[in-house]
Amino acid sequence: WPLLADGFDNPDLAAELVHQWIQYDPEVPGVTARPATAQAISAAW
């Protein structure tokens, strides 16, 4: 299933999550979340 997330509305924090996350899960297929978090993580990815 896609990544579930909450609270990563801040672009810098979303970027740090993506930076660390894909080291362990490079094939994450997407994200599902409230709009601001989903959009921030998608942009960072």
ModelCIF file with pLDDT and N, C-alpha, C, O atoms, coordinates in Angstrom:
data_MODEL
#
_entry.id   MODEL 
#
_entity.id                         1 
_entity.type                       polymer 
_entity.pdbx_number_of_molecules   1 
#
_entity_poly.entity_id                      1 
_entity_poly.type                           'polypeptide(L)' 
_entity_poly.nstd_linkage                   no 
_entity_poly.nstd_monomer                   no 
_entity_poly.pdbx_seq_one_letter_code       WPLLADGFDNPDLAAELVHQWIQYDPEVPGVTARPATAQAISAAW 
_entity_poly.pdbx_seq_one_letter_code_can   WPLLADGFDNPDLAAELVHQWIQYDPEVPGVTARPATAQAISAAW 
_entity_poly.pdbx_strand_id                 A 
#
loop_
_entity_poly_seq.entity_id 
_entity_poly_seq.num 
_entity_poly_seq.mon_id 
_entity_poly_seq.hetero 
1 1  TRP n 
1 2  PRO n 
1 3  LEU n 
1 4  LEU n 
1 5  ALA n 
1 6  ASP n 
1 7  GLY n 
1 8  PHE n 
1 9  ASP n 
1 10 ASN n 
1 11 PRO n 
1 12 ASP n 
1 13 LEU n 
1 14 ALA n 
1 15 ALA n 
1 16 GLU n 
1 17 LEU n 
1 18 VAL n 
1 19 HIS n 
1 20 GLN n 
1 21 TRP n 
1 22 ILE n 
1 23 GLN n 
1 24 TYR n 
1 25 ASP n 
1 26 PRO n 
1 27 GLU n 
1 28 VAL n 
1 29 PRO n 
1 30 GLY n 
1 31 VAL n 
1 32 THR n 
1 33 ALA n 
1 34 ARG n 
1 35 PRO n 
1 36 ALA n 
1 37 THR n 
1 38 ALA n 
1 39 GLN n 
1 40 ALA n 
1 41 ILE n 
1 42 SER n 
1 43 ALA n 
1 44 ALA n 
1 45 TRP n 
#
_struct_asym.id          A 
_struct_asym.entity_id   1 
#
loop_
_ma_qa_metric.id 
_ma_qa_metric.mode 
_ma_qa_metric.name 
_ma_qa_metric.software_group_id 
_ma_qa_metric.type 
1 global pLDDT . pLDDT 
2 local  pLDDT . pLDDT 
#
_ma_qa_metric_global.metric_id      1 
_ma_qa_metric_global.metric_value   97.11 
_ma_qa_metric_global.model_id       1 
_ma_qa_metric_global.ordinal_id     1 
#
loop_
_ma_qa_metric_local.label_asym_id 
_ma_qa_metric_local.label_comp_id 
_ma_qa_metric_local.label_seq_id 
_ma_qa_metric_local.metric_id 
_ma_qa_metric_local.metric_value 
_ma_qa_metric_local.model_id 
_ma_qa_metric_local.ordinal_id 
A TRP 1  2 90.00 1 1  
A PRO 2  2 95.00 1 2  
A LEU 3  2 98.00 1 3  
A LEU 4  2 98.00 1 4  
A ALA 5  2 98.00 1 5  
A ASP 6  2 98.00 1 6  
A GLY 7  2 98.00 1 7  
A PHE 8  2 98.00 1 8  
A ASP 9  2 97.00 1 9  
A ASN 10 2 96.00 1 10 
A PRO 11 2 97.00 1 11 
A ASP 12 2 96.00 1 12 
A LEU 13 2 97.00 1 13 
A ALA 14 2 98.00 1 14 
A ALA 15 2 97.00 1 15 
A GLU 16 2 97.00 1 16 
A LEU 17 2 98.00 1 17 
A VAL 18 2 98.00 1 18 
A HIS 19 2 97.00 1 19 
A GLN 20 2 97.00 1 20 
A TRP 21 2 98.00 1 21 
A ILE 22 2 97.00 1 22 
A GLN 23 2 96.00 1 23 
A TYR 24 2 96.00 1 24 
A ASP 25 2 96.00 1 25 
A PRO 26 2 96.00 1 26 
A GLU 27 2 94.00 1 27 
A VAL 28 2 97.00 1 28 
A PRO 29 2 96.00 1 29 
A GLY 30 2 97.00 1 30 
A VAL 31 2 98.00 1 31 
A THR 32 2 97.00 1 32 
A ALA 33 2 98.00 1 33 
A ARG 34 2 98.00 1 34 
A PRO 35 2 98.00 1 35 
A ALA 36 2 98.00 1 36 
A THR 37 2 98.00 1 37 
A ALA 38 2 98.00 1 38 
A GLN 39 2 98.00 1 39 
A ALA 40 2 98.00 1 40 
A ILE 41 2 98.00 1 41 
A SER 42 2 98.00 1 42 
A ALA 43 2 98.00 1 43 
A ALA 44 2 98.00 1 44 
A TRP 45 2 98.00 1 45 
#
loop_
_atom_site.group_PDB 
_atom_site.id 
_atom_site.type_symbol 
_atom_site.label_atom_id 
_atom_site.label_alt_id 
_atom_site.label_comp_id 
_atom_site.label_asym_id 
_atom_site.label_entity_id 
_atom_site.label_seq_id 
_atom_site.pdbx_PDB_ins_code 
_atom_site.Cartn_x 
_atom_site.Cartn_y 
_atom_site.Cartn_z 
_atom_site.occupancy 
_atom_site.B_iso_or_equiv 
_atom_site.pdbx_formal_charge 
_atom_site.auth_seq_id 
_atom_site.auth_comp_id 
_atom_site.auth_asym_id 
_atom_site.auth_atom_id 
_atom_site.pdbx_PDB_model_num 
ATOM 1   N N  . TRP A 1 1  ? 0.820  -1.201 0.000  1.00 90.00 ? 1  TRP A N  1 
ATOM 2   C CA . TRP A 1 1  ? 0.000  0.000  0.000  1.00 90.00 ? 1  TRP A CA 1 
ATOM 3   C C  . TRP A 1 1  ? 0.860  1.260  0.000  1.00 90.00 ? 1  TRP A C  1 
ATOM 4   O O  . TRP A 1 1  ? 2.037  1.207  0.358  1.00 90.00 ? 1  TRP A O  1 
ATOM 5   N N  . PRO A 1 2  ? 0.275  2.406  -0.404 1.00 95.00 ? 2  PRO A N  1 
ATOM 6   C CA . PRO A 1 2  ? 1.024  3.668  -0.398 1.00 95.00 ? 2  PRO A CA 1 
ATOM 7   C C  . PRO A 1 2  ? 1.404  4.109  1.017  1.00 95.00 ? 2  PRO A C  1 
ATOM 8   O O  . PRO A 1 2  ? 0.930  3.563  2.013  1.00 95.00 ? 2  PRO A O  1 
ATOM 9   N N  . LEU A 1 3  ? 2.256  5.094  1.066  1.00 98.00 ? 3  LEU A N  1 
ATOM 10  C CA . LEU A 1 3  ? 2.658  5.726  2.316  1.00 98.00 ? 3  LEU A CA 1 
ATOM 11  C C  . LEU A 1 3  ? 1.461  6.449  2.921  1.00 98.00 ? 3  LEU A C  1 
ATOM 12  O O  . LEU A 1 3  ? 0.740  7.163  2.223  1.00 98.00 ? 3  LEU A O  1 
ATOM 13  N N  . LEU A 1 4  ? 1.255  6.263  4.221  1.00 98.00 ? 4  LEU A N  1 
ATOM 14  C CA . LEU A 1 4  ? 0.272  7.027  4.982  1.00 98.00 ? 4  LEU A CA 1 
ATOM 15  C C  . LEU A 1 4  ? 1.031  8.040  5.824  1.00 98.00 ? 4  LEU A C  1 
ATOM 16  O O  . LEU A 1 4  ? 2.037  7.691  6.441  1.00 98.00 ? 4  LEU A O  1 
ATOM 17  N N  . ALA A 1 5  ? 0.576  9.279  5.863  1.00 98.00 ? 5  ALA A N  1 
ATOM 18  C CA . ALA A 1 5  ? 1.329  10.295 6.581  1.00 98.00 ? 5  ALA A CA 1 
ATOM 19  C C  . ALA A 1 5  ? 0.405  11.367 7.136  1.00 98.00 ? 5  ALA A C  1 
ATOM 20  O O  . ALA A 1 5  ? -0.712 11.561 6.655  1.00 98.00 ? 5  ALA A O  1 
ATOM 21  N N  . ASP A 1 6  ? 0.898  12.065 8.169  1.00 98.00 ? 6  ASP A N  1 
ATOM 22  C CA . ASP A 1 6  ? 0.163  13.201 8.715  1.00 98.00 ? 6  ASP A CA 1 
ATOM 23  C C  . ASP A 1 6  ? 1.162  14.162 9.349  1.00 98.00 ? 6  ASP A C  1 
ATOM 24  O O  . ASP A 1 6  ? 2.089  13.737 10.038 1.00 98.00 ? 6  ASP A O  1 
ATOM 25  N N  . GLY A 1 7  ? 0.970  15.453 9.115  1.00 98.00 ? 7  GLY A N  1 
ATOM 26  C CA . GLY A 1 7  ? 1.788  16.463 9.757  1.00 98.00 ? 7  GLY A CA 1 
ATOM 27  C C  . GLY A 1 7  ? 2.985  16.943 8.962  1.00 98.00 ? 7  GLY A C  1 
ATOM 28  O O  . GLY A 1 7  ? 3.755  17.771 9.448  1.00 98.00 ? 7  GLY A O  1 
ATOM 29  N N  . PHE A 1 8  ? 3.158  16.437 7.740  1.00 98.00 ? 8  PHE A N  1 
ATOM 30  C CA . PHE A 1 8  ? 4.313  16.821 6.927  1.00 98.00 ? 8  PHE A CA 1 
ATOM 31  C C  . PHE A 1 8  ? 3.954  17.934 5.937  1.00 98.00 ? 8  PHE A C  1 
ATOM 32  O O  . PHE A 1 8  ? 4.372  17.891 4.779  1.00 98.00 ? 8  PHE A O  1 
ATOM 33  N N  . ASP A 1 9  ? 3.189  18.921 6.383  1.00 97.00 ? 9  ASP A N  1 
ATOM 34  C CA . ASP A 1 9  ? 2.789  20.022 5.514  1.00 97.00 ? 9  ASP A CA 1 
ATOM 35  C C  . ASP A 1 9  ? 3.990  20.900 5.136  1.00 97.00 ? 9  ASP A C  1 
ATOM 36  O O  . ASP A 1 9  ? 4.040  21.440 4.031  1.00 97.00 ? 9  ASP A O  1 
ATOM 37  N N  . ASN A 1 10 ? 4.950  21.042 6.047  1.00 96.00 ? 10 ASN A N  1 
ATOM 38  C CA . ASN A 1 10 ? 6.114  21.884 5.806  1.00 96.00 ? 10 ASN A CA 1 
ATOM 39  C C  . ASN A 1 10 ? 6.992  21.278 4.717  1.00 96.00 ? 10 ASN A C  1 
ATOM 40  O O  . ASN A 1 10 ? 7.385  20.117 4.838  1.00 96.00 ? 10 ASN A O  1 
ATOM 41  N N  . PRO A 1 11 ? 7.314  22.020 3.659  1.00 97.00 ? 11 PRO A N  1 
ATOM 42  C CA . PRO A 1 11 ? 8.101  21.462 2.559  1.00 97.00 ? 11 PRO A CA 1 
ATOM 43  C C  . PRO A 1 11 ? 9.471  20.932 2.989  1.00 97.00 ? 11 PRO A C  1 
ATOM 44  O O  . PRO A 1 11 ? 9.929  19.911 2.475  1.00 97.00 ? 11 PRO A O  1 
ATOM 45  N N  . ASP A 1 12 ? 10.121 21.615 3.923  1.00 96.00 ? 12 ASP A N  1 
ATOM 46  C CA . ASP A 1 12 ? 11.431 21.151 4.373  1.00 96.00 ? 12 ASP A CA 1 
ATOM 47  C C  . ASP A 1 12 ? 11.328 19.826 5.119  1.00 96.00 ? 12 ASP A C  1 
ATOM 48  O O  . ASP A 1 12 ? 12.158 18.936 4.938  1.00 96.00 ? 12 ASP A O  1 
ATOM 49  N N  . LEU A 1 13 ? 10.304 19.703 5.957  1.00 97.00 ? 13 LEU A N  1 
ATOM 50  C CA . LEU A 1 13 ? 10.121 18.462 6.694  1.00 97.00 ? 13 LEU A CA 1 
ATOM 51  C C  . LEU A 1 13 ? 9.733  17.331 5.745  1.00 97.00 ? 13 LEU A C  1 
ATOM 52  O O  . LEU A 1 13 ? 10.207 16.205 5.892  1.00 97.00 ? 13 LEU A O  1 
ATOM 53  N N  . ALA A 1 14 ? 8.875  17.628 4.773  1.00 98.00 ? 14 ALA A N  1 
ATOM 54  C CA . ALA A 1 14 ? 8.505  16.623 3.776  1.00 98.00 ? 14 ALA A CA 1 
ATOM 55  C C  . ALA A 1 14 ? 9.735  16.171 3.000  1.00 98.00 ? 14 ALA A C  1 
ATOM 56  O O  . ALA A 1 14 ? 9.883  14.984 2.709  1.00 98.00 ? 14 ALA A O  1 
ATOM 57  N N  . ALA A 1 15 ? 10.623 17.113 2.660  1.00 97.00 ? 15 ALA A N  1 
ATOM 58  C CA . ALA A 1 15 ? 11.837 16.772 1.927  1.00 97.00 ? 15 ALA A CA 1 
ATOM 59  C C  . ALA A 1 15 ? 12.744 15.868 2.753  1.00 97.00 ? 15 ALA A C  1 
ATOM 60  O O  . ALA A 1 15 ? 13.350 14.938 2.221  1.00 97.00 ? 15 ALA A O  1 
ATOM 61  N N  . GLU A 1 16 ? 12.835 16.139 4.047  1.00 97.00 ? 16 GLU A N  1 
ATOM 62  C CA . GLU A 1 16 ? 13.662 15.293 4.909  1.00 97.00 ? 16 GLU A CA 1 
ATOM 63  C C  . GLU A 1 16 ? 13.072 13.894 5.033  1.00 97.00 ? 16 GLU A C  1 
ATOM 64  O O  . GLU A 1 16 ? 13.808 12.908 5.049  1.00 97.00 ? 16 GLU A O  1 
ATOM 65  N N  . LEU A 1 17 ? 11.739 13.804 5.119  1.00 98.00 ? 17 LEU A N  1 
ATOM 66  C CA . LEU A 1 17 ? 11.098 12.492 5.165  1.00 98.00 ? 17 LEU A CA 1 
ATOM 67  C C  . LEU A 1 17 ? 11.414 11.702 3.900  1.00 98.00 ? 17 LEU A C  1 
ATOM 68  O O  . LEU A 1 17 ? 11.822 10.543 3.977  1.00 98.00 ? 17 LEU A O  1 
ATOM 69  N N  . VAL A 1 18 ? 11.228 12.316 2.747  1.00 98.00 ? 18 VAL A N  1 
ATOM 70  C CA . VAL A 1 18 ? 11.485 11.617 1.487  1.00 98.00 ? 18 VAL A CA 1 
ATOM 71  C C  . VAL A 1 18 ? 12.953 11.215 1.384  1.00 98.00 ? 18 VAL A C  1 
ATOM 72  O O  . VAL A 1 18 ? 13.264 10.097 0.973  1.00 98.00 ? 18 VAL A O  1 
ATOM 73  N N  . HIS A 1 19 ? 13.851 12.118 1.754  1.00 97.00 ? 19 HIS A N  1 
ATOM 74  C CA . HIS A 1 19 ? 15.290 11.844 1.685  1.00 97.00 ? 19 HIS A CA 1 
ATOM 75  C C  . HIS A 1 19 ? 15.644 10.590 2.475  1.00 97.00 ? 19 HIS A C  1 
ATOM 76  O O  . HIS A 1 19 ? 16.390 9.738  1.991  1.00 97.00 ? 19 HIS A O  1 
ATOM 77  N N  . GLN A 1 20 ? 15.113 10.475 3.686  1.00 97.00 ? 20 GLN A N  1 
ATOM 78  C CA . GLN A 1 20 ? 15.423 9.313  4.515  1.00 97.00 ? 20 GLN A CA 1 
ATOM 79  C C  . GLN A 1 20 ? 14.623 8.086  4.082  1.00 97.00 ? 20 GLN A C  1 
ATOM 80  O O  . GLN A 1 20 ? 15.149 6.973  4.043  1.00 97.00 ? 20 GLN A O  1 
ATOM 81  N N  . TRP A 1 21 ? 13.353 8.299  3.758  1.00 98.00 ? 21 TRP A N  1 
ATOM 82  C CA . TRP A 1 21 ? 12.459 7.170  3.495  1.00 98.00 ? 21 TRP A CA 1 
ATOM 83  C C  . TRP A 1 21 ? 12.922 6.328  2.321  1.00 98.00 ? 21 TRP A C  1 
ATOM 84  O O  . TRP A 1 21 ? 12.942 5.100  2.410  1.00 98.00 ? 21 TRP A O  1 
ATOM 85  N N  . ILE A 1 22 ? 13.293 6.967  1.225  1.00 97.00 ? 22 ILE A N  1 
ATOM 86  C CA . ILE A 1 22 ? 13.602 6.200  0.019  1.00 97.00 ? 22 ILE A CA 1 
ATOM 87  C C  . ILE A 1 22 ? 14.924 5.445  0.127  1.00 97.00 ? 22 ILE A C  1 
ATOM 88  O O  . ILE A 1 22 ? 15.235 4.616  -0.729 1.00 97.00 ? 22 ILE A O  1 
ATOM 89  N N  . GLN A 1 23 ? 15.700 5.723  1.164  1.00 96.00 ? 23 GLN A N  1 
ATOM 90  C CA . GLN A 1 23 ? 16.884 4.904  1.391  1.00 96.00 ? 23 GLN A CA 1 
ATOM 91  C C  . GLN A 1 23 ? 16.503 3.481  1.802  1.00 96.00 ? 23 GLN A C  1 
ATOM 92  O O  . GLN A 1 23 ? 17.243 2.531  1.543  1.00 96.00 ? 23 GLN A O  1 
ATOM 93  N N  . TYR A 1 24 ? 15.359 3.348  2.435  1.00 96.00 ? 24 TYR A N  1 
ATOM 94  C CA . TYR A 1 24 ? 14.896 2.051  2.920  1.00 96.00 ? 24 TYR A CA 1 
ATOM 95  C C  . TYR A 1 24 ? 13.711 1.506  2.135  1.00 96.00 ? 24 TYR A C  1 
ATOM 96  O O  . TYR A 1 24 ? 13.419 0.311  2.182  1.00 96.00 ? 24 TYR A O  1 
ATOM 97  N N  . ASP A 1 25 ? 13.034 2.389  1.415  1.00 96.00 ? 25 ASP A N  1 
ATOM 98  C CA . ASP A 1 25 ? 11.822 1.998  0.687  1.00 96.00 ? 25 ASP A CA 1 
ATOM 99  C C  . ASP A 1 25 ? 11.785 2.741  -0.648 1.00 96.00 ? 25 ASP A C  1 
ATOM 100 O O  . ASP A 1 25 ? 10.914 3.585  -0.857 1.00 96.00 ? 25 ASP A O  1 
ATOM 101 N N  . PRO A 1 26 ? 12.713 2.439  -1.548 1.00 96.00 ? 26 PRO A N  1 
ATOM 102 C CA . PRO A 1 26 ? 12.805 3.216  -2.792 1.00 96.00 ? 26 PRO A CA 1 
ATOM 103 C C  . PRO A 1 26 ? 11.628 3.025  -3.729 1.00 96.00 ? 26 PRO A C  1 
ATOM 104 O O  . PRO A 1 26 ? 11.432 3.830  -4.639 1.00 96.00 ? 26 PRO A O  1 
ATOM 105 N N  . GLU A 1 27 ? 10.833 1.967  -3.525 1.00 94.00 ? 27 GLU A N  1 
ATOM 106 C CA . GLU A 1 27 ? 9.724  1.688  -4.434 1.00 94.00 ? 27 GLU A CA 1 
ATOM 107 C C  . GLU A 1 27 ? 8.371  2.138  -3.867 1.00 94.00 ? 27 GLU A C  1 
ATOM 108 O O  . GLU A 1 27 ? 7.325  1.649  -4.295 1.00 94.00 ? 27 GLU A O  1 
ATOM 109 N N  . VAL A 1 28 ? 8.394  3.054  -2.921 1.00 97.00 ? 28 VAL A N  1 
ATOM 110 C CA . VAL A 1 28 ? 7.129  3.567  -2.386 1.00 97.00 ? 28 VAL A CA 1 
ATOM 111 C C  . VAL A 1 28 ? 6.281  4.077  -3.556 1.00 97.00 ? 28 VAL A C  1 
ATOM 112 O O  . VAL A 1 28 ? 6.732  4.944  -4.303 1.00 97.00 ? 28 VAL A O  1 
ATOM 113 N N  . PRO A 1 29 ? 5.060  3.555  -3.727 1.00 96.00 ? 29 PRO A N  1 
ATOM 114 C CA . PRO A 1 29 ? 4.284  3.862  -4.938 1.00 96.00 ? 29 PRO A CA 1 
ATOM 115 C C  . PRO A 1 29 ? 3.455  5.131  -4.888 1.00 96.00 ? 29 PRO A C  1 
ATOM 116 O O  . PRO A 1 29 ? 2.899  5.548  -5.905 1.00 96.00 ? 29 PRO A O  1 
ATOM 117 N N  . GLY A 1 30 ? 3.362  5.761  -3.702 1.00 97.00 ? 30 GLY A N  1 
ATOM 118 C CA . GLY A 1 30 ? 2.539  6.956  -3.601 1.00 97.00 ? 30 GLY A CA 1 
ATOM 119 C C  . GLY A 1 30 ? 2.324  7.322  -2.153 1.00 97.00 ? 30 GLY A C  1 
ATOM 120 O O  . GLY A 1 30 ? 2.924  6.738  -1.250 1.00 97.00 ? 30 GLY A O  1 
ATOM 121 N N  . VAL A 1 31 ? 1.463  8.293  -1.943 1.00 98.00 ? 31 VAL A N  1 
ATOM 122 C CA . VAL A 1 31 ? 1.168  8.763  -0.590 1.00 98.00 ? 31 VAL A CA 1 
ATOM 123 C C  . VAL A 1 31 ? -0.318 9.045  -0.483 1.00 98.00 ? 31 VAL A C  1 
ATOM 124 O O  . VAL A 1 31 ? -0.943 9.511  -1.436 1.00 98.00 ? 31 VAL A O  1 
ATOM 125 N N  . THR A 1 32 ? -0.876 8.762  0.680  1.00 97.00 ? 32 THR A N  1 
ATOM 126 C CA . THR A 1 32 ? -2.276 9.081  0.964  1.00 97.00 ? 32 THR A CA 1 
ATOM 127 C C  . THR A 1 32 ? -2.331 9.799  2.301  1.00 97.00 ? 32 THR A C  1 
ATOM 128 O O  . THR A 1 32 ? -1.806 9.311  3.302  1.00 97.00 ? 32 THR A O  1 
ATOM 129 N N  . ALA A 1 33 ? -2.977 10.975 2.309  1.00 98.00 ? 33 ALA A N  1 
ATOM 130 C CA . ALA A 1 33 ? -2.929 11.842 3.481  1.00 98.00 ? 33 ALA A CA 1 
ATOM 131 C C  . ALA A 1 33 ? -3.906 12.991 3.295  1.00 98.00 ? 33 ALA A C  1 
ATOM 132 O O  . ALA A 1 33 ? -4.576 13.093 2.267  1.00 98.00 ? 33 ALA A O  1 
ATOM 133 N N  . ARG A 1 34 ? -3.979 13.855 4.304  1.00 98.00 ? 34 ARG A N  1 
ATOM 134 C CA . ARG A 1 34 ? -4.699 15.101 4.117  1.00 98.00 ? 34 ARG A CA 1 
ATOM 135 C C  . ARG A 1 34 ? -4.007 15.909 3.015  1.00 98.00 ? 34 ARG A C  1 
ATOM 136 O O  . ARG A 1 34 ? -2.805 15.747 2.803  1.00 98.00 ? 34 ARG A O  1 
ATOM 137 N N  . PRO A 1 35 ? -4.745 16.775 2.311  1.00 98.00 ? 35 PRO A N  1 
ATOM 138 C CA . PRO A 1 35 ? -4.196 17.402 1.109  1.00 98.00 ? 35 PRO A CA 1 
ATOM 139 C C  . PRO A 1 35 ? -2.838 18.084 1.277  1.00 98.00 ? 35 PRO A C  1 
ATOM 140 O O  . PRO A 1 35 ? -1.956 17.873 0.445  1.00 98.00 ? 35 PRO A O  1 
ATOM 141 N N  . ALA A 1 36 ? -2.637 18.886 2.311  1.00 98.00 ? 36 ALA A N  1 
ATOM 142 C CA . ALA A 1 36 ? -1.380 19.630 2.432  1.00 98.00 ? 36 ALA A CA 1 
ATOM 143 C C  . ALA A 1 36 ? -0.194 18.692 2.585  1.00 98.00 ? 36 ALA A C  1 
ATOM 144 O O  . ALA A 1 36 ? 0.858  18.921 1.989  1.00 98.00 ? 36 ALA A O  1 
ATOM 145 N N  . THR A 1 37 ? -0.354 17.640 3.377  1.00 98.00 ? 37 THR A N  1 
ATOM 146 C CA . THR A 1 37 ? 0.736  16.677 3.553  1.00 98.00 ? 37 THR A CA 1 
ATOM 147 C C  . THR A 1 37 ? 0.969  15.881 2.279  1.00 98.00 ? 37 THR A C  1 
ATOM 148 O O  . THR A 1 37 ? 2.114  15.696 1.867  1.00 98.00 ? 37 THR A O  1 
ATOM 149 N N  . ALA A 1 38 ? -0.105 15.408 1.649  1.00 98.00 ? 38 ALA A N  1 
ATOM 150 C CA . ALA A 1 38 ? 0.050  14.641 0.406  1.00 98.00 ? 38 ALA A CA 1 
ATOM 151 C C  . ALA A 1 38 ? 0.764  15.470 -0.661 1.00 98.00 ? 38 ALA A C  1 
ATOM 152 O O  . ALA A 1 38 ? 1.644  14.968 -1.360 1.00 98.00 ? 38 ALA A O  1 
ATOM 153 N N  . GLN A 1 39 ? 0.385  16.722 -0.779 1.00 98.00 ? 39 GLN A N  1 
ATOM 154 C CA . GLN A 1 39 ? 0.985  17.581 -1.803 1.00 98.00 ? 39 GLN A CA 1 
ATOM 155 C C  . GLN A 1 39 ? 2.451  17.881 -1.497 1.00 98.00 ? 39 GLN A C  1 
ATOM 156 O O  . GLN A 1 39 ? 3.283  17.893 -2.405 1.00 98.00 ? 39 GLN A O  1 
ATOM 157 N N  . ALA A 1 40 ? 2.774  18.124 -0.223 1.00 98.00 ? 40 ALA A N  1 
ATOM 158 C CA . ALA A 1 40 ? 4.161  18.429 0.148  1.00 98.00 ? 40 ALA A CA 1 
ATOM 159 C C  . ALA A 1 40 ? 5.068  17.230 -0.084 1.00 98.00 ? 40 ALA A C  1 
ATOM 160 O O  . ALA A 1 40 ? 6.176  17.380 -0.597 1.00 98.00 ? 40 ALA A O  1 
ATOM 161 N N  . ILE A 1 41 ? 4.603  16.039 0.290  1.00 98.00 ? 41 ILE A N  1 
ATOM 162 C CA . ILE A 1 41 ? 5.414  14.834 0.102  1.00 98.00 ? 41 ILE A CA 1 
ATOM 163 C C  . ILE A 1 41 ? 5.568  14.518 -1.385 1.00 98.00 ? 41 ILE A C  1 
ATOM 164 O O  . ILE A 1 41 ? 6.654  14.146 -1.828 1.00 98.00 ? 41 ILE A O  1 
ATOM 165 N N  . SER A 1 42 ? 4.502  14.661 -2.148 1.00 98.00 ? 42 SER A N  1 
ATOM 166 C CA . SER A 1 42 ? 4.581  14.399 -3.585 1.00 98.00 ? 42 SER A CA 1 
ATOM 167 C C  . SER A 1 42 ? 5.579  15.336 -4.260 1.00 98.00 ? 42 SER A C  1 
ATOM 168 O O  . SER A 1 42 ? 6.379  14.907 -5.092 1.00 98.00 ? 42 SER A O  1 
ATOM 169 N N  . ALA A 1 43 ? 5.527  16.615 -3.898 1.00 98.00 ? 43 ALA A N  1 
ATOM 170 C CA . ALA A 1 43 ? 6.466  17.578 -4.480 1.00 98.00 ? 43 ALA A CA 1 
ATOM 171 C C  . ALA A 1 43 ? 7.903  17.238 -4.095 1.00 98.00 ? 43 ALA A C  1 
ATOM 172 O O  . ALA A 1 43 ? 8.812  17.322 -4.920 1.00 98.00 ? 43 ALA A O  1 
ATOM 173 N N  . ALA A 1 44 ? 8.099  16.852 -2.827 1.00 98.00 ? 44 ALA A N  1 
ATOM 174 C CA . ALA A 1 44 ? 9.447  16.493 -2.372 1.00 98.00 ? 44 ALA A CA 1 
ATOM 175 C C  . ALA A 1 44 ? 9.954  15.246 -3.085 1.00 98.00 ? 44 ALA A C  1 
ATOM 176 O O  . ALA A 1 44 ? 11.123 15.173 -3.463 1.00 98.00 ? 44 ALA A O  1 
ATOM 177 N N  . TRP A 1 45 ? 9.070  14.260 -3.268 1.00 98.00 ? 45 TRP A N  1 
ATOM 178 C CA . TRP A 1 45 ? 9.471  13.024 -3.963 1.00 98.00 ? 45 TRP A CA 1 
ATOM 179 C C  . TRP A 1 45 ? 9.854  13.328 -5.415 1.00 98.00 ? 45 TRP A C  1 
ATOM 180 O O  . TRP A 1 45 ? 10.219 12.419 -6.160 1.00 98.00 ? 45 TRP A O  1 
#
